[in-house]
Amino acid sequence: MKKVFLSGAILILAGVVGVRAQTDLTVKIHFAGAEKISADTNSTAFTNEFCSPAARALESQTLDKLSRAPAAWLKYGMPPDAGDGTAQLRPLLDDFLRSEWLFEIRDAKNGSPEYALAIRLSDDRARLWQTNLQSLLESWTHISAQKIPGGFELRKHQPPNLFRFGHDGDWVVIDCGENELSLAGEILEPFLKTKIAAAETNWLTADVNWPRLAQLFPAFAKFDFPKTELRVAGRDGNFWLNGKFTLAQPLPPLGKWQLPTNSIRQPLDSFTAVRGIAPWLAKQNWARRFKIFPPPDQWFVWSLAQIPFQTFAAAPVPDATAALAQLDAGLPPSLSTGAGLQNTFLASFTSVMTNNEITWRGLPFVSPFVQALHEPAGDFLFGGFFPNTARSPAPPELLAVFERPNLVYYHWEITAERLKLQLQLLQLSLLLTQHRQLDGNSDAARWLNLVGPKLGITVTEITQTAPAELTFERSAPGGLTALEFFALANWLEAPDFPGCDLSLTPAAETFKRPPAQTPGATSAPPVVSH
């Protein structure tokens, strides 16, 4: 069997699911397993992408880190002499990639959450799971487990206080909750007996009630995700994703698309458009600090092929001149007009506002700007990292996309090209903001260098199908966009993974207000090579 790298992890990162809606359901994920995916005739691109030595190295590193995570999360509730559990957990994690499994979180009858996992294992692997988990739980609780038919049960004092392990046929079933357990019997066993899992053609299906999950785990609250359904399968050698978002509140009426057609030029390697975002922006702390009122309801981002740093963005506003002044007034002191920042790694850079344009000078390789723009479709705030010198107009077939009714989000990219050029911009952005860059010699970087050239066109569309419902669909050779690939690589390489803290130790910064000037060139930042 070919060992498929991150087959489970990447799909789970995408989120989650499509089954019946139930009020007590918090999470439901069914993963077909790498063995089944590898046998799918539509999985050629998938297996080529995730079976390389670079992929296996990153897989091993990631699972090693994950095996240490539970002890780190639970360290304050464990006995002082409890081990970290990696010796018991690490051998089991490989099964999450290659085997079929079903995982659920539901609110039990007593109001507390209950967790259940069913995983298809051979007898040898099932015995290993039983031995390792029983040993681990007993060392972490100093409580002896009790034998039950096909497994064991352990009761402790702190919630969740009941853990049960069972083995029946091809399946191991693990249930965890408070005082009593019902999820495995009421939900998982009927699923297995009716062989829904065997008939499932999707590689992954899942359903996540993010608002409820944020109540159980407050760390999720900052993301403010809606209820999400997702299905992932193979089609024509690509990943095919579809599903829906269920919003807490209906979207406001969608305004007519306002595209800055005079500024969108060719040759393009990516284009992104979104509308209906004003209510969401109004709730974001990072957006409120810029004090642009009313917040833009649409946003457009595009990049030019074969030219690094040629990425542009535009947002329609009622009065571009007034919005630019609001933006300048809301910039952090280090970035506002007339201010300079002495970066630890770079010379000082300054910003200047003249002729309805804010420019930042002194940065290496780029000349960022934001300007008040007047187009036939209206006023825009328009920015980029270099002047927009391309001359060919936007392709008619791209503009025709925005004639579709109820289209809320559209993204198109040549992922191989975008990943190669975007890496340089993103690495520079991390450097300037004093965040940890992706190490070009890391396992994740080697994987990206291998994956990147194989990726073709990725298209994502989201449409409004009900007042509070959005339906999405994506076709992608790698399942992710270039930006998502880079974010995934940085996450996997984060020192605190599965956390994601890329910030560096704050360095001494010296603020000044010198006359605008352009200092000499500096050495290039480290980037991932291709």
Protein backbone atom coordinates (compact mmCIF):
# COMPACT_ATOMS: atom_id res chain seq x y z
CA MET A 1 0.00 0.00 0.00
CA LYS A 2 1.21 3.46 -0.80
CA LYS A 3 1.44 5.60 2.26
CA VAL A 4 -0.47 8.81 1.60
CA PHE A 5 0.94 11.87 3.37
CA LEU A 6 -1.39 14.05 5.39
CA SER A 7 -4.37 12.51 3.69
CA GLY A 8 -6.43 12.93 6.82
CA ALA A 9 -4.78 16.08 8.16
CA ILE A 10 -5.16 18.26 5.07
CA LEU A 11 -8.77 17.24 4.54
CA ILE A 12 -9.61 17.91 8.20
CA LEU A 13 -7.88 21.33 7.90
CA ALA A 14 -10.35 22.12 5.17
CA GLY A 15 -12.96 21.80 7.86
CA VAL A 16 -15.87 19.51 7.61
CA VAL A 17 -19.25 17.84 6.24
CA GLY A 18 -22.56 17.01 5.02
CA VAL A 19 -25.04 14.88 6.85
CA ARG A 20 -28.37 15.36 8.49
CA ALA A 21 -28.69 18.41 10.72
CA GLN A 22 -29.26 17.59 14.37
CA THR A 23 -29.47 20.05 17.20
CA ASP A 24 -27.15 18.07 19.50
CA LEU A 25 -24.46 17.52 16.85
CA THR A 26 -21.25 19.48 17.29
CA VAL A 27 -18.82 17.57 15.05
CA LYS A 28 -19.18 14.62 12.69
CA ILE A 29 -16.25 13.57 10.49
CA HIS A 30 -16.01 10.46 8.34
CA PHE A 31 -12.64 9.83 6.65
CA ALA A 32 -12.33 7.01 4.09
CA GLY A 33 -8.66 6.32 4.85
CA ALA A 34 -5.57 6.40 2.67
CA GLU A 35 -5.92 2.76 1.67
CA LYS A 36 -9.34 3.36 0.17
CA ILE A 37 -8.36 6.71 -1.40
CA SER A 38 -5.28 5.17 -3.03
CA ALA A 39 -7.51 2.59 -4.71
CA ASP A 40 -9.80 5.28 -6.14
CA THR A 41 -9.30 5.75 -9.88
CA ASN A 42 -9.63 9.52 -9.38
CA SER A 43 -6.79 9.73 -6.85
CA THR A 44 -3.82 9.87 -9.25
CA ALA A 45 -2.94 13.50 -8.54
CA PHE A 46 -3.58 12.96 -4.84
CA THR A 47 -1.25 9.97 -4.50
CA ASN A 48 1.47 11.58 -6.67
CA GLU A 49 1.34 14.62 -4.42
CA PHE A 50 1.37 12.92 -1.03
CA CYS A 51 3.46 9.77 -1.48
CA SER A 52 6.87 11.34 -2.09
CA PRO A 53 9.82 11.04 0.31
CA ALA A 54 9.41 14.75 1.12
CA ALA A 55 5.74 14.17 1.97
CA ARG A 56 6.59 11.20 4.18
CA ALA A 57 9.24 13.20 6.02
CA LEU A 58 6.76 15.97 6.75
CA GLU A 59 4.14 13.40 7.77
CA SER A 60 6.53 11.80 10.25
CA GLN A 61 7.55 15.15 11.71
CA THR A 62 3.92 16.24 12.06
CA LEU A 63 2.79 13.05 13.77
CA ASP A 64 5.77 13.22 16.13
CA LYS A 65 4.65 16.69 17.20
CA LEU A 66 1.01 15.65 17.54
CA SER A 67 1.96 12.73 19.80
CA ARG A 68 3.41 15.22 22.29
CA ALA A 69 0.45 17.61 22.23
CA PRO A 70 -2.03 15.84 24.57
CA ALA A 71 0.45 15.80 27.45
CA ALA A 72 1.15 19.50 26.93
CA TRP A 73 -2.58 20.31 26.98
CA LEU A 74 -3.29 18.17 30.06
CA LYS A 75 -0.11 18.73 32.06
CA TYR A 76 -1.80 20.65 34.87
CA GLY A 77 -4.27 17.83 35.52
CA MET A 78 -1.82 14.91 35.45
CA PRO A 79 0.25 13.34 38.23
CA PRO A 80 3.83 14.68 38.46
CA ASP A 81 5.31 11.33 37.48
CA ALA A 82 3.07 10.85 34.43
CA GLY A 83 5.02 10.53 31.19
CA ASP A 84 4.29 12.54 28.07
CA GLY A 85 2.65 9.52 26.40
CA THR A 86 4.50 9.79 23.10
CA ALA A 87 5.67 6.18 23.25
CA GLN A 88 2.07 4.98 23.47
CA LEU A 89 0.42 7.54 21.17
CA ARG A 90 2.90 7.86 18.30
CA PRO A 91 2.40 4.30 16.92
CA LEU A 92 -1.38 4.83 16.85
CA LEU A 93 -1.38 8.06 14.84
CA ASP A 94 -0.35 6.34 11.60
CA ASP A 95 -3.74 4.59 11.62
CA PHE A 96 -5.55 7.92 11.39
CA LEU A 97 -3.99 8.38 7.94
CA ARG A 98 -4.38 4.94 6.43
CA SER A 99 -7.56 3.63 8.09
CA GLU A 100 -11.24 4.49 7.78
CA TRP A 101 -12.73 6.25 10.81
CA LEU A 102 -15.73 8.14 12.09
CA PHE A 103 -15.57 10.76 14.85
CA GLU A 104 -18.44 12.59 16.58
CA ILE A 105 -18.98 15.12 19.35
CA ARG A 106 -22.54 15.54 20.61
CA ASP A 107 -24.30 17.06 23.57
CA ALA A 108 -25.40 14.13 25.73
CA LYS A 109 -28.71 13.88 27.57
CA ASN A 110 -27.10 15.34 30.70
CA GLY A 111 -26.02 18.43 28.73
CA SER A 112 -22.29 17.66 28.75
CA PRO A 113 -20.36 16.84 25.56
CA GLU A 114 -19.71 13.24 24.61
CA TYR A 115 -16.91 12.16 22.25
CA ALA A 116 -16.82 8.95 20.21
CA LEU A 117 -14.39 7.49 17.68
CA ALA A 118 -14.81 4.37 15.56
CA ILE A 119 -11.80 3.24 13.54
CA ARG A 120 -11.42 0.19 11.27
CA LEU A 121 -8.37 -1.84 12.37
CA SER A 122 -6.89 -5.29 12.00
CA ASP A 123 -6.84 -7.49 15.09
CA ASP A 124 -3.13 -6.80 15.65
CA ARG A 125 -3.60 -3.03 15.44
CA ALA A 126 -6.70 -3.20 17.67
CA ARG A 127 -4.73 -5.05 20.37
CA LEU A 128 -1.98 -2.42 20.13
CA TRP A 129 -4.53 0.36 20.56
CA GLN A 130 -6.04 -1.35 23.60
CA THR A 131 -2.67 -1.99 25.24
CA ASN A 132 -1.28 1.51 24.60
CA LEU A 133 -4.39 3.46 25.54
CA GLN A 134 -4.98 1.50 28.72
CA SER A 135 -1.36 1.96 29.76
CA LEU A 136 -1.47 5.67 28.93
CA LEU A 137 -4.71 6.41 30.77
CA GLU A 138 -3.64 4.49 33.86
CA SER A 139 -0.33 6.36 34.01
CA TRP A 140 -2.04 9.72 33.53
CA THR A 141 -4.80 9.10 36.13
CA HIS A 142 -3.25 6.57 38.57
CA ILE A 143 -6.56 4.69 38.28
CA SER A 144 -6.80 1.06 37.19
CA ALA A 145 -9.02 0.28 34.22
CA GLN A 146 -11.76 -2.36 34.50
CA LYS A 147 -12.10 -5.12 31.92
CA ILE A 148 -15.32 -5.27 29.87
CA PRO A 149 -16.21 -7.57 26.93
CA GLY A 150 -13.90 -6.62 24.06
CA GLY A 151 -12.07 -3.88 25.92
CA PHE A 152 -11.84 -1.85 29.10
CA GLU A 153 -13.51 0.99 30.98
CA LEU A 154 -11.94 3.66 33.19
CA ARG A 155 -13.70 6.04 35.58
CA LYS A 156 -12.02 9.05 37.13
CA HIS A 157 -13.09 12.03 39.22
CA GLN A 158 -12.70 15.00 36.84
CA PRO A 159 -14.95 15.43 33.79
CA PRO A 160 -15.11 13.84 31.36
CA ASN A 161 -15.00 11.07 33.94
CA LEU A 162 -15.87 7.96 31.89
CA PHE A 163 -13.74 6.37 29.14
CA ARG A 164 -14.69 3.15 27.35
CA PHE A 165 -12.72 1.11 24.80
CA GLY A 166 -14.42 -1.63 22.79
CA HIS A 167 -13.37 -3.93 19.93
CA ASP A 168 -15.96 -5.66 17.76
CA GLY A 169 -15.07 -7.22 14.41
CA ASP A 170 -13.15 -4.81 12.20
CA TRP A 171 -13.88 -1.81 14.38
CA VAL A 172 -12.47 -0.29 17.54
CA VAL A 173 -14.94 2.05 19.24
CA ILE A 174 -13.81 4.60 21.85
CA ASP A 175 -16.37 6.60 23.84
CA CYS A 176 -15.73 9.36 26.36
CA GLY A 177 -18.16 11.46 28.39
CA GLU A 178 -19.54 12.21 31.81
CA ASN A 179 -21.33 9.64 34.03
CA GLU A 180 -23.00 7.73 31.18
CA LEU A 181 -22.23 6.99 27.53
CA SER A 182 -24.78 6.60 24.75
CA LEU A 183 -23.18 7.96 21.60
CA ALA A 184 -21.48 4.78 20.46
CA GLY A 185 -24.63 2.68 20.83
CA GLU A 186 -27.09 5.22 19.39
CA ILE A 187 -25.02 6.72 16.59
CA LEU A 188 -21.87 4.81 15.70
CA GLU A 189 -23.15 1.24 15.80
CA PRO A 190 -26.10 1.89 13.45
CA PHE A 191 -23.66 3.62 11.10
CA LEU A 192 -21.38 0.62 11.04
CA LYS A 193 -24.12 -2.01 10.83
CA THR A 194 -25.78 -0.39 7.81
CA LYS A 195 -22.34 -0.16 6.13
CA ILE A 196 -22.81 3.48 5.21
CA ALA A 197 -19.06 3.81 5.54
CA ALA A 198 -18.43 1.11 2.94
CA ALA A 199 -20.82 2.75 0.48
CA GLU A 200 -19.41 6.27 0.98
CA THR A 201 -17.75 7.55 -2.22
CA ASN A 202 -16.44 10.79 -0.72
CA TRP A 203 -12.95 10.81 0.72
CA LEU A 204 -14.18 12.87 3.63
CA THR A 205 -17.53 14.13 4.84
CA ALA A 206 -18.01 16.21 7.94
CA ASP A 207 -20.31 18.57 9.76
CA VAL A 208 -19.03 21.12 12.29
CA ASN A 209 -21.13 23.41 14.45
CA TRP A 210 -18.37 25.97 15.02
CA PRO A 211 -20.37 28.23 17.40
CA ARG A 212 -21.06 25.27 19.70
CA LEU A 213 -17.46 24.06 19.36
CA ALA A 214 -16.26 27.52 20.40
CA GLN A 215 -18.34 27.20 23.57
CA LEU A 216 -16.60 23.93 24.41
CA PHE A 217 -13.14 25.16 23.37
CA PRO A 218 -12.95 28.97 23.68
CA ALA A 219 -9.79 29.15 21.55
CA PHE A 220 -12.03 28.66 18.49
CA ALA A 221 -14.18 31.70 19.34
CA LYS A 222 -11.74 34.19 17.79
CA PHE A 223 -12.26 32.66 14.33
CA ASP A 224 -16.03 33.30 14.34
CA PHE A 225 -16.71 30.45 11.88
CA PRO A 226 -20.30 29.60 10.85
CA LYS A 227 -21.74 26.10 10.83
CA THR A 228 -19.92 24.32 8.03
CA GLU A 229 -20.60 21.33 5.82
CA LEU A 230 -18.03 19.90 3.42
CA ARG A 231 -17.59 16.94 1.11
CA VAL A 232 -14.22 16.06 -0.43
CA ALA A 233 -13.78 13.59 -3.29
CA GLY A 234 -11.73 12.99 -6.41
CA ARG A 235 -12.83 14.03 -9.87
CA ASP A 236 -10.78 14.06 -13.10
CA GLY A 237 -7.54 13.80 -11.14
CA ASN A 238 -8.41 16.82 -8.98
CA PHE A 239 -9.75 17.39 -5.54
CA TRP A 240 -13.41 18.32 -5.65
CA LEU A 241 -14.86 20.09 -2.60
CA ASN A 242 -18.40 21.28 -2.04
CA GLY A 243 -20.64 22.11 0.89
CA LYS A 244 -22.31 25.01 2.62
CA PHE A 245 -22.04 27.57 5.41
CA THR A 246 -25.05 28.28 7.63
CA LEU A 247 -24.83 31.83 8.95
CA ALA A 248 -26.06 33.07 12.32
CA GLN A 249 -27.75 36.04 10.60
CA PRO A 250 -29.04 36.50 7.02
CA LEU A 251 -26.77 38.34 4.64
CA PRO A 252 -27.85 41.89 3.79
CA PRO A 253 -29.03 42.39 0.19
CA LEU A 254 -26.10 41.91 -2.18
CA GLY A 255 -25.02 45.09 -3.91
CA LYS A 256 -24.20 45.16 -7.60
CA TRP A 257 -20.63 44.18 -8.39
CA GLN A 258 -18.34 47.21 -8.78
CA LEU A 259 -15.25 45.99 -10.61
CA PRO A 260 -12.31 48.35 -11.23
CA THR A 261 -12.15 47.24 -14.85
CA ASN A 262 -9.69 49.96 -15.92
CA SER A 263 -7.14 48.74 -13.36
CA ILE A 264 -7.50 44.96 -13.81
CA ARG A 265 -4.84 44.09 -16.36
CA GLN A 266 -3.31 40.99 -17.96
CA PRO A 267 -1.46 38.61 -17.81
CA LEU A 268 -3.16 37.35 -14.64
CA ASP A 269 -2.19 34.35 -12.53
CA SER A 270 -4.90 34.91 -9.90
CA PHE A 271 -8.07 36.88 -9.28
CA THR A 272 -10.26 37.04 -6.17
CA ALA A 273 -13.55 38.88 -5.59
CA VAL A 274 -15.95 38.95 -2.64
CA ARG A 275 -19.04 40.99 -1.73
CA GLY A 276 -21.42 41.27 1.20
CA ILE A 277 -18.54 41.56 3.70
CA ALA A 278 -19.34 44.94 5.32
CA PRO A 279 -21.15 43.44 8.37
CA TRP A 280 -18.28 41.03 8.93
CA LEU A 281 -15.64 43.77 8.61
CA ALA A 282 -17.55 45.96 11.07
CA LYS A 283 -17.03 43.27 13.76
CA GLN A 284 -13.29 42.76 13.18
CA ASN A 285 -10.95 44.54 15.59
CA TRP A 286 -8.15 44.70 13.03
CA ALA A 287 -10.46 46.38 10.49
CA ARG A 288 -12.03 48.84 12.94
CA ARG A 289 -8.67 50.37 13.79
CA PHE A 290 -8.40 51.76 10.24
CA LYS A 291 -11.59 53.79 10.83
CA ILE A 292 -12.87 53.58 7.25
CA PHE A 293 -16.60 54.28 7.42
CA PRO A 294 -18.70 52.79 6.04
CA PRO A 295 -16.53 49.67 5.75
CA PRO A 296 -16.12 48.39 2.16
CA ASP A 297 -18.67 45.78 1.15
CA GLN A 298 -16.59 44.37 -1.73
CA TRP A 299 -12.95 43.46 -2.17
CA PHE A 300 -10.87 42.53 -5.22
CA VAL A 301 -7.34 41.10 -5.29
CA TRP A 302 -5.36 40.05 -8.35
CA SER A 303 -1.77 39.33 -9.35
CA LEU A 304 0.22 39.38 -12.57
CA ALA A 305 1.93 36.29 -13.95
CA GLN A 306 5.72 35.98 -14.07
CA ILE A 307 6.35 39.18 -12.07
CA PRO A 308 7.13 38.87 -8.33
CA PHE A 309 5.35 41.27 -5.96
CA GLN A 310 2.87 42.40 -8.64
CA THR A 311 -0.20 41.90 -6.44
CA PHE A 312 -2.98 44.51 -6.28
CA ALA A 313 -6.14 45.08 -4.28
CA ALA A 314 -9.14 47.37 -4.66
CA ALA A 315 -12.19 48.11 -2.50
CA PRO A 316 -15.12 50.31 -3.66
CA VAL A 317 -15.91 53.24 -1.32
CA PRO A 318 -18.38 56.13 -1.55
CA ASP A 319 -15.63 58.80 -1.56
CA ALA A 320 -12.08 57.60 -2.27
CA THR A 321 -10.39 60.84 -1.14
CA ALA A 322 -12.19 60.82 2.22
CA ALA A 323 -11.57 57.08 2.69
CA LEU A 324 -7.84 57.53 2.04
CA ALA A 325 -7.66 60.25 4.69
CA GLN A 326 -9.50 57.94 7.12
CA LEU A 327 -7.06 55.15 6.33
CA ASP A 328 -4.04 57.38 6.92
CA ALA A 329 -5.46 58.58 10.23
CA GLY A 330 -6.09 55.01 11.36
CA LEU A 331 -2.68 53.57 10.48
CA PRO A 332 -0.48 52.44 13.38
CA PRO A 333 2.09 55.11 14.38
CA SER A 334 4.92 53.21 12.74
CA LEU A 335 3.12 53.17 9.36
CA SER A 336 1.29 56.51 9.33
CA THR A 337 2.22 59.55 7.25
CA GLY A 338 5.57 61.02 8.20
CA ALA A 339 6.52 58.24 10.60
CA GLY A 340 9.49 55.93 10.24
CA LEU A 341 10.24 52.54 11.73
CA GLN A 342 13.72 51.20 12.37
CA ASN A 343 13.34 47.48 11.76
CA THR A 344 15.89 45.22 13.40
CA PHE A 345 16.77 43.60 10.09
CA LEU A 346 16.27 46.53 7.72
CA ALA A 347 16.97 50.21 7.32
CA SER A 348 14.27 52.66 8.39
CA PHE A 349 11.23 53.07 6.17
CA THR A 350 8.81 55.98 6.02
CA SER A 351 5.36 56.77 4.66
CA VAL A 352 4.22 59.89 2.86
CA MET A 353 0.76 61.02 1.72
CA THR A 354 0.77 63.23 -1.39
CA ASN A 355 -1.59 63.67 -4.35
CA ASN A 356 -4.25 61.34 -2.97
CA GLU A 357 -1.73 58.53 -2.44
CA ILE A 358 0.03 57.00 0.55
CA THR A 359 3.45 55.52 -0.28
CA TRP A 360 5.93 53.66 1.90
CA ARG A 361 9.59 54.26 1.07
CA GLY A 362 12.72 52.46 2.11
CA LEU A 363 11.41 48.90 1.96
CA PRO A 364 13.51 46.37 0.03
CA PHE A 365 12.26 45.00 -3.29
CA VAL A 366 8.82 46.69 -3.12
CA SER A 367 7.24 50.15 -3.28
CA PRO A 368 3.87 49.77 -1.52
CA PHE A 369 1.13 52.32 -2.14
CA VAL A 370 -2.56 52.98 -1.53
CA GLN A 371 -4.31 55.61 -3.64
CA ALA A 372 -7.73 57.15 -4.17
CA LEU A 373 -8.91 55.81 -7.51
CA HIS A 374 -11.77 57.03 -9.69
CA GLU A 375 -13.16 54.48 -12.18
CA PRO A 376 -16.32 54.23 -14.31
CA ALA A 377 -17.77 51.84 -11.69
CA GLY A 378 -17.16 54.36 -8.88
CA ASP A 379 -14.51 55.30 -6.33
CA PHE A 380 -11.98 52.80 -4.97
CA LEU A 381 -9.13 52.49 -2.54
CA PHE A 382 -6.48 50.86 -4.73
CA GLY A 383 -3.14 49.50 -3.54
CA GLY A 384 -0.24 47.29 -4.46
CA PHE A 385 3.43 46.61 -4.04
CA PHE A 386 4.55 48.04 -7.39
CA PRO A 387 2.99 50.49 -9.88
CA ASN A 388 0.43 48.81 -12.12
CA THR A 389 2.30 48.87 -15.45
CA ALA A 390 0.50 46.07 -17.35
CA ARG A 391 -1.48 47.38 -20.32
CA SER A 392 -3.75 44.58 -21.62
CA PRO A 393 -7.38 44.88 -20.42
CA ALA A 394 -9.09 42.27 -18.25
CA PRO A 395 -10.22 39.17 -20.19
CA PRO A 396 -13.94 39.26 -21.11
CA GLU A 397 -14.47 35.71 -19.84
CA LEU A 398 -13.38 36.81 -16.37
CA LEU A 399 -15.76 39.77 -16.31
CA ALA A 400 -18.60 37.52 -17.50
CA VAL A 401 -18.30 35.48 -14.29
CA PHE A 402 -19.79 38.39 -12.33
CA GLU A 403 -23.00 38.32 -14.31
CA ARG A 404 -24.03 35.18 -12.39
CA PRO A 405 -26.80 35.86 -9.86
CA ASN A 406 -26.10 35.44 -6.15
CA LEU A 407 -22.34 34.99 -6.62
CA VAL A 408 -20.70 36.04 -3.34
CA TYR A 409 -17.09 34.88 -3.73
CA TYR A 410 -14.93 33.91 -6.71
CA HIS A 411 -11.29 32.85 -6.77
CA TRP A 412 -9.27 31.67 -9.77
CA GLU A 413 -5.55 31.00 -9.86
CA ILE A 414 -2.79 29.12 -11.62
CA THR A 415 -1.64 27.54 -8.38
CA ALA A 416 1.88 26.51 -9.48
CA GLU A 417 2.65 30.02 -10.74
CA ARG A 418 0.96 31.69 -7.80
CA LEU A 419 2.77 29.61 -5.20
CA LYS A 420 6.17 30.34 -6.74
CA LEU A 421 5.65 34.12 -6.87
CA GLN A 422 3.55 34.49 -3.72
CA LEU A 423 6.17 32.80 -1.56
CA GLN A 424 8.52 35.73 -2.11
CA LEU A 425 5.89 38.30 -1.13
CA LEU A 426 4.71 36.34 1.89
CA GLN A 427 8.24 35.67 3.13
CA LEU A 428 9.03 39.39 2.83
CA SER A 429 5.81 40.26 4.69
CA LEU A 430 6.79 37.95 7.55
CA LEU A 431 10.24 39.52 7.66
CA LEU A 432 8.91 43.09 7.76
CA THR A 433 6.41 42.27 10.51
CA GLN A 434 9.10 40.41 12.49
CA HIS A 435 7.45 37.00 12.28
CA ARG A 436 9.14 33.68 11.75
CA GLN A 437 9.71 32.93 8.07
CA LEU A 438 9.36 29.49 6.55
CA ASP A 439 12.81 27.88 6.63
CA GLY A 440 13.78 26.93 3.09
CA ASN A 441 15.46 23.77 4.42
CA SER A 442 12.48 22.62 6.50
CA ASP A 443 10.44 19.52 5.67
CA ALA A 444 7.41 21.67 4.83
CA ALA A 445 9.43 23.84 2.44
CA ARG A 446 10.87 20.79 0.68
CA TRP A 447 7.35 19.45 0.29
CA LEU A 448 6.12 22.75 -1.17
CA ASN A 449 9.04 22.82 -3.62
CA LEU A 450 8.06 19.35 -4.80
CA VAL A 451 4.30 19.93 -4.88
CA GLY A 452 4.29 23.41 -6.40
CA PRO A 453 5.23 22.71 -10.05
CA LYS A 454 2.57 19.97 -10.30
CA LEU A 455 -0.37 22.23 -9.45
CA GLY A 456 -2.66 23.61 -12.16
CA ILE A 457 -5.78 25.78 -12.09
CA THR A 458 -7.81 26.12 -8.90
CA VAL A 459 -11.32 27.61 -8.97
CA THR A 460 -13.52 28.36 -5.94
CA GLU A 461 -17.07 29.74 -6.08
CA ILE A 462 -19.47 30.63 -3.26
CA THR A 463 -23.10 31.54 -3.97
CA GLN A 464 -25.98 32.59 -1.76
CA THR A 465 -28.65 29.87 -1.86
CA ALA A 466 -30.83 31.09 1.04
CA PRO A 467 -30.92 34.27 3.17
CA ALA A 468 -28.53 32.72 5.73
CA GLU A 469 -26.94 29.99 3.60
CA LEU A 470 -23.88 30.01 1.34
CA THR A 471 -23.00 27.08 -0.94
CA PHE A 472 -19.43 26.57 -2.09
CA GLU A 473 -17.60 24.47 -4.64
CA ARG A 474 -13.91 24.08 -5.49
CA SER A 475 -11.95 22.17 -8.12
CA ALA A 476 -8.22 22.05 -7.34
CA PRO A 477 -5.32 19.75 -8.24
CA GLY A 478 -3.95 20.01 -4.70
CA GLY A 479 -7.12 20.74 -2.75
CA LEU A 480 -5.73 24.06 -1.48
CA THR A 481 -4.90 27.45 -2.94
CA ALA A 482 -1.33 28.76 -3.01
CA LEU A 483 -2.01 30.93 0.05
CA GLU A 484 -3.50 27.97 1.92
CA PHE A 485 -0.50 25.79 1.04
CA PHE A 486 1.85 28.43 2.46
CA ALA A 487 -0.29 28.86 5.60
CA LEU A 488 -0.37 25.08 6.09
CA ALA A 489 3.41 24.82 5.73
CA ASN A 490 3.97 27.60 8.28
CA TRP A 491 1.51 26.01 10.68
CA LEU A 492 3.17 22.59 10.45
CA GLU A 493 6.57 24.20 11.07
CA ALA A 494 5.40 26.44 13.93
CA PRO A 495 7.49 25.78 17.08
CA ASP A 496 4.32 25.32 19.16
CA PHE A 497 2.45 23.17 16.60
CA PRO A 498 -0.44 22.30 16.73
CA GLY A 499 -0.60 25.87 17.95
CA CYS A 500 0.52 28.53 15.50
CA ASP A 501 2.64 31.26 17.08
CA LEU A 502 5.07 32.63 14.48
CA SER A 503 5.92 35.84 16.34
CA LEU A 504 9.55 36.54 17.13
CA THR A 505 10.84 38.05 20.34
CA PRO A 506 9.99 41.79 20.13
CA ALA A 507 13.02 43.75 19.06
CA ALA A 508 13.89 47.31 20.04
CA GLU A 509 12.23 49.72 17.63
CA THR A 510 13.18 53.34 17.15
CA PHE A 511 10.48 55.61 15.77
CA LYS A 512 11.42 58.77 13.97
CA ARG A 513 9.99 61.28 11.53
CA PRO A 514 12.72 62.06 9.00
CA PRO A 515 12.17 63.59 5.58
CA ALA A 516 11.06 60.94 3.12
CA GLN A 517 14.03 59.21 1.58
CA THR A 518 14.97 55.93 -0.03
CA PRO A 519 17.87 54.16 1.65
CA GLY A 520 20.25 51.86 -0.17
CA ALA A 521 19.42 48.32 -1.16
CA THR A 522 19.65 45.54 1.39
CA SER A 523 20.33 41.85 1.10
CA ALA A 524 17.49 39.63 -0.04
CA PRO A 525 15.31 37.90 2.57
CA PRO A 526 15.42 34.11 2.68
CA VAL A 527 12.74 32.60 0.45
CA VAL A 528 11.69 29.14 -0.54
CA SER A 529 13.40 28.26 -3.80
CA HIS A 530 11.89 26.60 -6.84
